[in-house]
Amino acid sequence: MRRTALALAAALLGTAACGGGEVAKPPPKQEAQPSWTDVFAATPDIYAVVRPQALKKDAIYGSFWRSLLGAAQARGLARGATMTEAVEGAEEIIIGVNQSEAALILRGVPARLDPKTITGDDGHALFHSTSDERKRVVEYEVTDKKLGAGGALFVLPDRTWVGTLGTTRDRARASFASPMNQPAPKVSETALVSVQLRGAFLRLFERHALVGPLTKKLTSATIELQPGSGGVVVGLSYSEADATAYGEMQAKKITADLAKDKDRAWLKDAKIAYEGNTVFVRVSVPPRLLEELPKTKGSDLGL
């Protein structure tokens, strides 16, 4: 049997080497392309994903999204009509924030837009090129200091714009020159909006009178806006099972207390349960709240 096996192996090797005439050459190694995912050394403490195209098409949230954009433009937050067009026309808006750095990514920006033509409300250009525009990644400097001193915009070949602040600019420049193509943080594929909180940012809530009890051994929190009647889904992930059970109990208590106010009575319908080490709170958003959100001011939120 050993001789038979050796003969069979030799025959197979001989066929692979000689059977077709020439030995097949391996495909040429493709050069790694610059990726927005390399901007982050790790998943940021605040990581948000907004999907404008899905929002605009949504039967419930479409009008709310348009109102929100209109309000932002009216209050001077959008930095001009062309910048609004870039944000509204993108497939995804991604925001990452840590203690000393921040990045804003627009994926799938409309091909007709050029950073050189993006202007503020005063008609002045918001960006000017600081690198050879024939390169695969073009770097622009922010001319409007209100957007942040030292800010930069990188334009990638796949119509992705990456805006950076602080030390993120240097890391972005280096990572685009030598791409690693790190995987993107995982988010829901169906969510219209997804916000993840972790690390140092979560620690800020430990002494909060209302939500402080939820932070015991909490590793991350996710808030998602699902399409249509899917409502809002909050996920609270804990480091161990006992903390998860305690978190579920606290979530039910906090929701019940909030629902005592007639303006928040809709929270009575919240569904709270845990799966594994994650507590999920699911609640539908009442239409009246959607109508009021675009009118909300910072003072209304105690900011």
C-alpha atoms as a PDB file:
ATOM      1  CA  MET A   1       0.000   0.000   0.000  1.00  0.00           C
ATOM      2  CA  ARG A   2       2.900   2.357   0.776  1.00  0.00           C
ATOM      3  CA  ARG A   3       4.409   1.737  -2.676  1.00  0.00           C
ATOM      4  CA  THR A   4       1.023   2.350  -4.284  1.00  0.00           C
ATOM      5  CA  ALA A   5       0.566   5.634  -2.407  1.00  0.00           C
ATOM      6  CA  LEU A   6       4.044   6.809  -3.383  1.00  0.00           C
ATOM      7  CA  ALA A   7       3.393   5.938  -7.009  1.00  0.00           C
ATOM      8  CA  LEU A   8       0.084   7.796  -6.973  1.00  0.00           C
ATOM      9  CA  ALA A   9       1.690  10.870  -5.408  1.00  0.00           C
ATOM     10  CA  ALA A  10       4.479  10.805  -8.002  1.00  0.00           C
ATOM     11  CA  ALA A  11       1.920  10.536 -10.787  1.00  0.00           C
ATOM     12  CA  LEU A  12      -0.067  13.479  -9.459  1.00  0.00           C
ATOM     13  CA  LEU A  13       3.063  15.601  -9.084  1.00  0.00           C
ATOM     14  CA  GLY A  14       4.197  14.641 -12.554  1.00  0.00           C
ATOM     15  CA  THR A  15       0.818  15.568 -14.013  1.00  0.00           C
ATOM     16  CA  ALA A  16       0.851  18.934 -12.257  1.00  0.00           C
ATOM     17  CA  ALA A  17       4.352  19.716 -13.471  1.00  0.00           C
ATOM     18  CA  CYS A  18       4.245  18.300 -16.999  1.00  0.00           C
ATOM     19  CA  GLY A  19       0.691  17.417 -17.971  1.00  0.00           C
ATOM     20  CA  GLY A  20      -0.253  20.775 -19.525  1.00  0.00           C
ATOM     21  CA  GLY A  21       3.100  21.549 -21.061  1.00  0.00           C
ATOM     22  CA  GLU A  22       4.069  24.851 -19.408  1.00  0.00           C
ATOM     23  CA  VAL A  23       3.786  25.399 -15.663  1.00  0.00           C
ATOM     24  CA  ALA A  24       1.077  27.978 -14.895  1.00  0.00           C
ATOM     25  CA  LYS A  25       2.504  31.248 -13.635  1.00  0.00           C
ATOM     26  CA  PRO A  26       1.013  32.750 -10.476  1.00  0.00           C
ATOM     27  CA  PRO A  27      -1.046  35.897 -11.075  1.00  0.00           C
ATOM     28  CA  PRO A  28       0.888  39.128 -10.558  1.00  0.00           C
ATOM     29  CA  LYS A  29       0.630  40.510  -7.049  1.00  0.00           C
ATOM     30  CA  GLN A  30      -1.719  43.467  -6.996  1.00  0.00           C
ATOM     31  CA  GLU A  31      -0.554  46.636  -5.325  1.00  0.00           C
ATOM     32  CA  ALA A  32      -2.539  47.535  -2.220  1.00  0.00           C
ATOM     33  CA  GLN A  33      -4.816  50.515  -2.797  1.00  0.00           C
ATOM     34  CA  PRO A  34      -5.177  53.305  -0.235  1.00  0.00           C
ATOM     35  CA  SER A  35      -8.106  52.696   2.087  1.00  0.00           C
ATOM     36  CA  TRP A  36      -9.947  55.026   4.465  1.00  0.00           C
ATOM     37  CA  THR A  37      -9.883  52.261   7.095  1.00  0.00           C
ATOM     38  CA  ASP A  38      -6.154  52.856   7.657  1.00  0.00           C
ATOM     39  CA  VAL A  39      -6.886  56.323   9.057  1.00  0.00           C
ATOM     40  CA  PHE A  40      -7.721  54.774  12.433  1.00  0.00           C
ATOM     41  CA  ALA A  41      -5.066  52.965  14.458  1.00  0.00           C
ATOM     42  CA  ALA A  42      -7.923  51.266  16.335  1.00  0.00           C
ATOM     43  CA  THR A  43     -11.696  51.596  16.504  1.00  0.00           C
ATOM     44  CA  PRO A  44     -12.334  55.172  17.751  1.00  0.00           C
ATOM     45  CA  ASP A  45     -14.076  55.902  21.059  1.00  0.00           C
ATOM     46  CA  ILE A  46     -16.884  57.464  19.010  1.00  0.00           C
ATOM     47  CA  TYR A  47     -17.599  55.783  15.678  1.00  0.00           C
ATOM     48  CA  ALA A  48     -20.657  56.812  13.668  1.00  0.00           C
ATOM     49  CA  VAL A  49     -21.954  55.751  10.248  1.00  0.00           C
ATOM     50  CA  VAL A  50     -24.737  57.645   8.433  1.00  0.00           C
ATOM     51  CA  ARG A  51     -26.209  56.460   5.117  1.00  0.00           C
ATOM     52  CA  PRO A  52     -27.731  59.508   3.362  1.00  0.00           C
ATOM     53  CA  GLN A  53     -29.096  57.687   0.299  1.00  0.00           C
ATOM     54  CA  ALA A  54     -30.939  55.131   2.411  1.00  0.00           C
ATOM     55  CA  LEU A  55     -32.228  57.907   4.668  1.00  0.00           C
ATOM     56  CA  LYS A  56     -33.585  59.940   1.757  1.00  0.00           C
ATOM     57  CA  LYS A  57     -35.491  56.928   0.411  1.00  0.00           C
ATOM     58  CA  ASP A  58     -36.950  55.916   3.762  1.00  0.00           C
ATOM     59  CA  ALA A  59     -40.712  56.523   4.019  1.00  0.00           C
ATOM     60  CA  ILE A  60     -40.530  57.631   7.663  1.00  0.00           C
ATOM     61  CA  TYR A  61     -37.164  59.360   7.979  1.00  0.00           C
ATOM     62  CA  GLY A  62     -36.765  60.839   4.481  1.00  0.00           C
ATOM     63  CA  SER A  63     -38.537  64.108   5.289  1.00  0.00           C
ATOM     64  CA  PHE A  64     -36.743  64.336   8.639  1.00  0.00           C
ATOM     65  CA  TRP A  65     -33.351  64.010   6.922  1.00  0.00           C
ATOM     66  CA  ARG A  66     -34.189  66.773   4.461  1.00  0.00           C
ATOM     67  CA  SER A  67     -35.366  69.023   7.294  1.00  0.00           C
ATOM     68  CA  LEU A  68     -32.179  68.328   9.200  1.00  0.00           C
ATOM     69  CA  LEU A  69     -30.007  69.285   6.224  1.00  0.00           C
ATOM     70  CA  GLY A  70     -32.040  72.430   5.683  1.00  0.00           C
ATOM     71  CA  ALA A  71     -31.668  73.405   9.335  1.00  0.00           C
ATOM     72  CA  ALA A  72     -27.904  72.790   9.242  1.00  0.00           C
ATOM     73  CA  GLN A  73     -27.523  74.927   6.136  1.00  0.00           C
ATOM     74  CA  ALA A  74     -29.693  77.729   7.559  1.00  0.00           C
ATOM     75  CA  ARG A  75     -27.599  77.863  10.741  1.00  0.00           C
ATOM     76  CA  GLY A  76     -24.314  77.978   8.837  1.00  0.00           C
ATOM     77  CA  LEU A  77     -23.213  74.493   9.924  1.00  0.00           C
ATOM     78  CA  ALA A  78     -22.985  73.094   6.392  1.00  0.00           C
ATOM     79  CA  ARG A  79     -20.285  75.535   5.157  1.00  0.00           C
ATOM     80  CA  GLY A  80     -21.947  76.311   1.841  1.00  0.00           C
ATOM     81  CA  ALA A  81     -24.222  74.658  -0.694  1.00  0.00           C
ATOM     82  CA  THR A  82     -21.474  72.663  -2.434  1.00  0.00           C
ATOM     83  CA  MET A  83     -20.344  71.101   0.846  1.00  0.00           C
ATOM     84  CA  THR A  84     -23.959  70.203   1.582  1.00  0.00           C
ATOM     85  CA  GLU A  85     -24.113  68.588  -1.858  1.00  0.00           C
ATOM     86  CA  ALA A  86     -21.053  66.468  -1.067  1.00  0.00           C
ATOM     87  CA  VAL A  87     -22.506  65.324   2.246  1.00  0.00           C
ATOM     88  CA  GLU A  88     -26.007  64.705   0.910  1.00  0.00           C
ATOM     89  CA  GLY A  89     -24.742  62.925  -2.196  1.00  0.00           C
ATOM     90  CA  ALA A  90     -22.362  60.539  -0.390  1.00  0.00           C
ATOM     91  CA  GLU A  91     -23.246  56.881   0.068  1.00  0.00           C
ATOM     92  CA  GLU A  92     -21.853  56.867   3.613  1.00  0.00           C
ATOM     93  CA  ILE A  93     -20.712  59.434   6.146  1.00  0.00           C
ATOM     94  CA  ILE A  94     -18.283  58.033   8.716  1.00  0.00           C
ATOM     95  CA  ILE A  95     -17.116  59.908  11.802  1.00  0.00           C
ATOM     96  CA  GLY A  96     -14.368  58.758  14.154  1.00  0.00           C
ATOM     97  CA  VAL A  97     -13.323  60.664  17.274  1.00  0.00           C
ATOM     98  CA  ASN A  98     -10.761  59.972  19.999  1.00  0.00           C
ATOM     99  CA  GLN A  99      -9.431  62.233  22.733  1.00  0.00           C
ATOM    100  CA  SER A 100      -6.892  64.033  20.535  1.00  0.00           C
ATOM    101  CA  GLU A 101      -7.908  63.237  16.968  1.00  0.00           C
ATOM    102  CA  ALA A 102     -10.849  63.117  14.624  1.00  0.00           C
ATOM    103  CA  ALA A 103     -11.677  62.072  11.071  1.00  0.00           C
ATOM    104  CA  LEU A 104     -14.681  62.539   8.785  1.00  0.00           C
ATOM    105  CA  ILE A 105     -15.014  60.229   5.794  1.00  0.00           C
ATOM    106  CA  LEU A 106     -17.397  60.670   2.862  1.00  0.00           C
ATOM    107  CA  ARG A 107     -17.660  57.499   0.791  1.00  0.00           C
ATOM    108  CA  GLY A 108     -19.092  57.573  -2.722  1.00  0.00           C
ATOM    109  CA  VAL A 109     -18.998  61.351  -3.184  1.00  0.00           C
ATOM    110  CA  PRO A 110     -20.685  62.389  -6.481  1.00  0.00           C
ATOM    111  CA  ALA A 111     -18.086  62.279  -9.276  1.00  0.00           C
ATOM    112  CA  ARG A 112     -19.017  65.761 -10.501  1.00  0.00           C
ATOM    113  CA  LEU A 113     -17.693  67.387  -7.312  1.00  0.00           C
ATOM    114  CA  ASP A 114     -14.117  68.651  -6.993  1.00  0.00           C
ATOM    115  CA  PRO A 115     -12.629  69.831  -3.664  1.00  0.00           C
ATOM    116  CA  LYS A 116     -11.168  72.869  -5.436  1.00  0.00           C
ATOM    117  CA  THR A 117     -14.690  74.088  -6.225  1.00  0.00           C
ATOM    118  CA  ILE A 118     -16.101  73.599  -2.720  1.00  0.00           C
ATOM    119  CA  THR A 119     -16.837  77.044  -1.290  1.00  0.00           C
ATOM    120  CA  GLY A 120     -18.247  78.449   1.917  1.00  0.00           C
ATOM    121  CA  ASP A 121     -21.193  80.787   2.277  1.00  0.00           C
ATOM    122  CA  ASP A 122     -18.865  83.708   1.588  1.00  0.00           C
ATOM    123  CA  GLY A 123     -17.862  82.242  -1.788  1.00  0.00           C
ATOM    124  CA  HIS A 124     -14.251  81.530  -0.779  1.00  0.00           C
ATOM    125  CA  ALA A 125     -12.689  78.113  -1.400  1.00  0.00           C
ATOM    126  CA  LEU A 126     -12.616  75.805   1.632  1.00  0.00           C
ATOM    127  CA  PHE A 127      -9.624  73.771   0.397  1.00  0.00           C
ATOM    128  CA  HIS A 128      -6.467  74.222  -1.641  1.00  0.00           C
ATOM    129  CA  SER A 129      -4.204  71.485  -2.979  1.00  0.00           C
ATOM    130  CA  THR A 130      -0.851  70.870  -1.274  1.00  0.00           C
ATOM    131  CA  SER A 131       0.267  67.907  -3.402  1.00  0.00           C
ATOM    132  CA  ASP A 132       0.592  66.833  -7.043  1.00  0.00           C
ATOM    133  CA  GLU A 133      -2.947  66.300  -8.289  1.00  0.00           C
ATOM    134  CA  ARG A 134      -1.738  63.496 -10.563  1.00  0.00           C
ATOM    135  CA  LYS A 135      -1.030  61.281  -7.548  1.00  0.00           C
ATOM    136  CA  ARG A 136      -3.495  58.558  -6.621  1.00  0.00           C
ATOM    137  CA  VAL A 137      -4.168  60.364  -3.317  1.00  0.00           C
ATOM    138  CA  VAL A 138      -4.379  64.152  -3.428  1.00  0.00           C
ATOM    139  CA  GLU A 139      -4.015  66.141  -0.213  1.00  0.00           C
ATOM    140  CA  TYR A 140      -5.787  69.450   0.339  1.00  0.00           C
ATOM    141  CA  GLU A 141      -5.334  71.900   3.182  1.00  0.00           C
ATOM    142  CA  VAL A 142      -8.308  73.458   4.937  1.00  0.00           C
ATOM    143  CA  THR A 143      -8.358  77.205   4.313  1.00  0.00           C
ATOM    144  CA  ASP A 144     -11.293  77.940   6.632  1.00  0.00           C
ATOM    145  CA  LYS A 145      -9.760  78.008  10.125  1.00  0.00           C
ATOM    146  CA  LYS A 146     -13.243  77.650  11.614  1.00  0.00           C
ATOM    147  CA  LEU A 147     -13.110  74.044  10.428  1.00  0.00           C
ATOM    148  CA  GLY A 148      -9.992  73.457  12.518  1.00  0.00           C
ATOM    149  CA  ALA A 149      -6.378  74.563  12.374  1.00  0.00           C
ATOM    150  CA  GLY A 150      -4.148  72.020  10.670  1.00  0.00           C
ATOM    151  CA  GLY A 151      -7.079  70.260   9.071  1.00  0.00           C
ATOM    152  CA  ALA A 152      -6.623  68.378   5.802  1.00  0.00           C
ATOM    153  CA  LEU A 153      -8.705  66.635   3.157  1.00  0.00           C
ATOM    154  CA  PHE A 154      -7.433  63.545   1.320  1.00  0.00           C
ATOM    155  CA  VAL A 155      -9.166  62.438  -1.888  1.00  0.00           C
ATOM    156  CA  LEU A 156      -8.853  58.720  -2.649  1.00  0.00           C
ATOM    157  CA  PRO A 157      -9.329  57.126  -6.108  1.00  0.00           C
ATOM    158  CA  ASP A 158     -12.686  55.520  -5.255  1.00  0.00           C
ATOM    159  CA  ARG A 159     -14.444  58.873  -4.687  1.00  0.00           C
ATOM    160  CA  THR A 160     -13.744  58.759  -0.969  1.00  0.00           C
ATOM    161  CA  TRP A 161     -12.937  62.004   0.838  1.00  0.00           C
ATOM    162  CA  VAL A 162     -11.129  61.800   4.180  1.00  0.00           C
ATOM    163  CA  GLY A 163     -11.063  64.889   6.378  1.00  0.00           C
ATOM    164  CA  THR A 164      -8.637  64.844   9.327  1.00  0.00           C
ATOM    165  CA  LEU A 165      -7.766  66.916  12.381  1.00  0.00           C
ATOM    166  CA  GLY A 166      -4.845  66.781  14.811  1.00  0.00           C
ATOM    167  CA  THR A 167      -2.354  63.927  14.595  1.00  0.00           C
ATOM    168  CA  THR A 168      -4.740  62.015  12.321  1.00  0.00           C
ATOM    169  CA  ARG A 169      -3.392  64.000   9.364  1.00  0.00           C
ATOM    170  CA  ASP A 170       0.149  62.615   9.689  1.00  0.00           C
ATOM    171  CA  ARG A 171      -1.058  59.043  10.141  1.00  0.00           C
ATOM    172  CA  ALA A 172      -3.428  59.359   7.175  1.00  0.00           C
ATOM    173  CA  ARG A 173      -0.620  60.628   4.940  1.00  0.00           C
ATOM    174  CA  ALA A 174       1.648  57.739   5.974  1.00  0.00           C
ATOM    175  CA  SER A 175      -1.056  55.063   5.724  1.00  0.00           C
ATOM    176  CA  PHE A 176      -2.166  56.136   2.253  1.00  0.00           C
ATOM    177  CA  ALA A 177       1.451  55.965   1.062  1.00  0.00           C
ATOM    178  CA  SER A 178       1.827  52.417   2.474  1.00  0.00           C
ATOM    179  CA  PRO A 179      -1.694  50.909   2.636  1.00  0.00           C
ATOM    180  CA  MET A 180      -2.445  48.158   5.149  1.00  0.00           C
ATOM    181  CA  ASN A 181      -6.160  47.819   4.242  1.00  0.00           C
ATOM    182  CA  GLN A 182      -7.288  47.226   7.800  1.00  0.00           C
ATOM    183  CA  PRO A 183     -10.853  45.898   8.174  1.00  0.00           C
ATOM    184  CA  ALA A 184     -13.550  48.465   8.890  1.00  0.00           C
ATOM    185  CA  PRO A 185     -15.286  48.330  12.283  1.00  0.00           C
ATOM    186  CA  LYS A 186     -18.390  46.165  12.074  1.00  0.00           C
ATOM    187  CA  VAL A 187     -21.738  47.946  11.933  1.00  0.00           C
ATOM    188  CA  SER A 188     -25.268  46.883  11.054  1.00  0.00           C
ATOM    189  CA  GLU A 189     -25.733  46.552   7.285  1.00  0.00           C
ATOM    190  CA  THR A 190     -29.353  47.685   7.486  1.00  0.00           C
ATOM    191  CA  ALA A 191     -29.082  50.639   9.906  1.00  0.00           C
ATOM    192  CA  LEU A 192     -29.703  54.113   8.515  1.00  0.00           C
ATOM    193  CA  VAL A 193     -27.556  55.521  11.320  1.00  0.00           C
ATOM    194  CA  SER A 194     -25.221  53.666  13.673  1.00  0.00           C
ATOM    195  CA  VAL A 195     -23.255  55.178  16.567  1.00  0.00           C
ATOM    196  CA  GLN A 196     -20.767  53.174  18.650  1.00  0.00           C
ATOM    197  CA  LEU A 197     -19.335  54.401  21.957  1.00  0.00           C
ATOM    198  CA  ARG A 198     -16.451  52.790  23.842  1.00  0.00           C
ATOM    199  CA  GLY A 199     -13.271  53.403  25.829  1.00  0.00           C
ATOM    200  CA  ALA A 200     -12.627  56.708  27.541  1.00  0.00           C
ATOM    201  CA  PHE A 201     -15.839  58.244  26.223  1.00  0.00           C
ATOM    202  CA  LEU A 202     -17.992  55.673  28.063  1.00  0.00           C
ATOM    203  CA  ARG A 203     -16.158  56.434  31.309  1.00  0.00           C
ATOM    204  CA  LEU A 204     -17.549  59.960  31.188  1.00  0.00           C
ATOM    205  CA  PHE A 205     -21.008  58.577  32.004  1.00  0.00           C
ATOM    206  CA  GLU A 206     -19.996  56.602  35.111  1.00  0.00           C
ATOM    207  CA  ARG A 207     -21.088  59.374  37.497  1.00  0.00           C
ATOM    208  CA  HIS A 208     -24.161  60.376  35.539  1.00  0.00           C
ATOM    209  CA  ALA A 209     -27.196  60.252  37.834  1.00  0.00           C
ATOM    210  CA  LEU A 210     -29.446  58.583  35.252  1.00  0.00           C
ATOM    211  CA  VAL A 211     -27.309  56.264  33.114  1.00  0.00           C
ATOM    212  CA  GLY A 212     -24.363  55.755  35.493  1.00  0.00           C
ATOM    213  CA  PRO A 213     -25.666  52.355  36.750  1.00  0.00           C
ATOM    214  CA  LEU A 214     -25.627  51.057  33.155  1.00  0.00           C
ATOM    215  CA  THR A 215     -21.872  51.593  32.819  1.00  0.00           C
ATOM    216  CA  LYS A 216     -20.740  48.950  35.331  1.00  0.00           C
ATOM    217  CA  LYS A 217     -18.375  46.696  33.340  1.00  0.00           C
ATOM    218  CA  LEU A 218     -19.808  48.114  30.124  1.00  0.00           C
ATOM    219  CA  THR A 219     -17.386  47.640  27.199  1.00  0.00           C
ATOM    220  CA  SER A 220     -19.331  49.311  24.379  1.00  0.00           C
ATOM    221  CA  ALA A 221     -22.680  50.863  23.527  1.00  0.00           C
ATOM    222  CA  THR A 222     -24.327  50.969  20.099  1.00  0.00           C
ATOM    223  CA  ILE A 223     -27.279  53.089  18.996  1.00  0.00           C
ATOM    224  CA  GLU A 224     -28.907  52.236  15.662  1.00  0.00           C
ATOM    225  CA  LEU A 225     -31.746  53.792  13.691  1.00  0.00           C
ATOM    226  CA  GLN A 226     -33.344  51.038  11.641  1.00  0.00           C
ATOM    227  CA  PRO A 227     -35.420  51.655   8.462  1.00  0.00           C
ATOM    228  CA  GLY A 228     -39.166  52.220   8.528  1.00  0.00           C
ATOM    229  CA  SER A 229     -40.900  51.004  11.649  1.00  0.00           C
ATOM    230  CA  GLY A 230     -37.746  49.262  12.895  1.00  0.00           C
ATOM    231  CA  GLY A 231     -37.228  52.131  15.317  1.00  0.00           C
ATOM    232  CA  VAL A 232     -34.180  52.636  17.520  1.00  0.00           C
ATOM    233  CA  VAL A 233     -32.081  49.734  18.799  1.00  0.00           C
ATOM    234  CA  VAL A 234     -29.640  50.280  21.657  1.00  0.00           C
ATOM    235  CA  GLY A 235     -27.067  47.567  22.362  1.00  0.00           C
ATOM    236  CA  LEU A 236     -25.135  47.538  25.654  1.00  0.00           C
ATOM    237  CA  SER A 237     -22.263  45.018  25.685  1.00  0.00           C
ATOM    238  CA  TYR A 238     -20.737  43.896  28.982  1.00  0.00           C
ATOM    239  CA  SER A 239     -17.577  42.048  29.921  1.00  0.00           C
ATOM    240  CA  GLU A 240     -19.335  39.244  31.819  1.00  0.00           C
ATOM    241  CA  ALA A 241     -22.705  37.562  32.316  1.00  0.00           C
ATOM    242  CA  ASP A 242     -23.459  38.946  35.806  1.00  0.00           C
ATOM    243  CA  ALA A 243     -22.897  42.504  34.586  1.00  0.00           C
ATOM    244  CA  THR A 244     -25.232  41.814  31.646  1.00  0.00           C
ATOM    245  CA  ALA A 245     -28.043  40.696  33.939  1.00  0.00           C
ATOM    246  CA  TYR A 246     -27.517  43.754  36.122  1.00  0.00           C
ATOM    247  CA  GLY A 247     -27.497  45.988  33.035  1.00  0.00           C
ATOM    248  CA  GLU A 248     -30.810  44.530  31.842  1.00  0.00           C
ATOM    249  CA  MET A 249     -32.393  45.216  35.235  1.00  0.00           C
ATOM    250  CA  GLN A 250     -31.124  48.815  35.247  1.00  0.00           C
ATOM    251  CA  ALA A 251     -32.239  49.420  31.647  1.00  0.00           C
ATOM    252  CA  LYS A 252     -35.786  48.332  32.526  1.00  0.00           C
ATOM    253  CA  LYS A 253     -35.802  50.538  35.627  1.00  0.00           C
ATOM    254  CA  ILE A 254     -34.488  53.631  33.808  1.00  0.00           C
ATOM    255  CA  THR A 255     -36.923  53.186  30.913  1.00  0.00           C
ATOM    256  CA  ALA A 256     -39.874  52.795  33.287  1.00  0.00           C
ATOM    257  CA  ASP A 257     -38.859  55.917  35.225  1.00  0.00           C
ATOM    258  CA  LEU A 258     -38.524  57.982  32.030  1.00  0.00           C
ATOM    259  CA  ALA A 259     -41.874  56.762  30.730  1.00  0.00           C
ATOM    260  CA  LYS A 260     -43.657  58.292  33.751  1.00  0.00           C
ATOM    261  CA  ASP A 261     -43.334  61.677  32.046  1.00  0.00           C
ATOM    262  CA  LYS A 262     -46.275  62.116  29.659  1.00  0.00           C
ATOM    263  CA  ASP A 263     -43.934  63.443  26.938  1.00  0.00           C
ATOM    264  CA  ARG A 264     -41.978  60.183  27.109  1.00  0.00           C
ATOM    265  CA  ALA A 265     -44.878  57.808  27.619  1.00  0.00           C
ATOM    266  CA  TRP A 266     -44.002  56.108  24.313  1.00  0.00           C
ATOM    267  CA  LEU A 267     -41.053  54.476  26.113  1.00  0.00           C
ATOM    268  CA  LYS A 268     -43.524  52.131  27.815  1.00  0.00           C
ATOM    269  CA  ASP A 269     -43.516  50.087  24.607  1.00  0.00           C
ATOM    270  CA  ALA A 270     -39.750  49.530  24.724  1.00  0.00           C
ATOM    271  CA  LYS A 271     -38.660  45.890  24.408  1.00  0.00           C
ATOM    272  CA  ILE A 272     -35.681  45.013  26.635  1.00  0.00           C
ATOM    273  CA  ALA A 273     -33.864  41.678  26.658  1.00  0.00           C
ATOM    274  CA  TYR A 274     -30.331  40.351  26.545  1.00  0.00           C
ATOM    275  CA  GLU A 275     -28.618  38.050  24.078  1.00  0.00           C
ATOM    276  CA  GLY A 276     -25.264  36.684  25.168  1.00  0.00           C
ATOM    277  CA  ASN A 277     -23.473  39.527  26.956  1.00  0.00           C
ATOM    278  CA  THR A 278     -25.439  42.301  25.212  1.00  0.00           C
ATOM    279  CA  VAL A 279     -28.587  44.014  26.469  1.00  0.00           C
ATOM    280  CA  PHE A 280     -30.852  45.223  23.648  1.00  0.00           C
ATOM    281  CA  VAL A 281     -33.406  48.007  24.025  1.00  0.00           C
ATOM    282  CA  ARG A 282     -35.773  48.306  21.055  1.00  0.00           C
ATOM    283  CA  VAL A 283     -38.278  51.145  20.764  1.00  0.00           C
ATOM    284  CA  SER A 284     -40.318  52.755  17.972  1.00  0.00           C
ATOM    285  CA  VAL A 285     -39.894  56.484  17.393  1.00  0.00           C
ATOM    286  CA  PRO A 286     -43.198  58.426  17.537  1.00  0.00           C
ATOM    287  CA  PRO A 287     -43.932  60.643  14.510  1.00  0.00           C
ATOM    288  CA  ARG A 288     -44.353  63.712  16.738  1.00  0.00           C
ATOM    289  CA  LEU A 289     -40.756  63.417  17.892  1.00  0.00           C
ATOM    290  CA  LEU A 290     -39.546  63.284  14.287  1.00  0.00           C
ATOM    291  CA  GLU A 291     -41.359  66.531  13.588  1.00  0.00           C
ATOM    292  CA  GLU A 292     -39.762  68.264  16.575  1.00  0.00           C
ATOM    293  CA  LEU A 293     -36.155  67.042  16.199  1.00  0.00           C
ATOM    294  CA  PRO A 294     -35.123  69.484  13.407  1.00  0.00           C
ATOM    295  CA  LYS A 295     -36.250  72.375  15.625  1.00  0.00           C
ATOM    296  CA  THR A 296     -34.239  71.210  18.645  1.00  0.00           C
ATOM    297  CA  LYS A 297     -31.586  73.602  19.995  1.00  0.00           C
ATOM    298  CA  GLY A 298     -28.581  72.886  22.165  1.00  0.00           C
ATOM    299  CA  SER A 299     -30.287  74.636  25.075  1.00  0.00           C
ATOM    300  CA  ASP A 300     -33.213  72.188  24.803  1.00  0.00           C
ATOM    301  CA  LEU A 301     -30.774  69.371  25.507  1.00  0.00           C
ATOM    302  CA  GLY A 302     -29.066  71.180  28.357  1.00  0.00           C
ATOM    303  CA  LEU A 303     -25.909  71.856  26.285  1.00  0.00           C
END
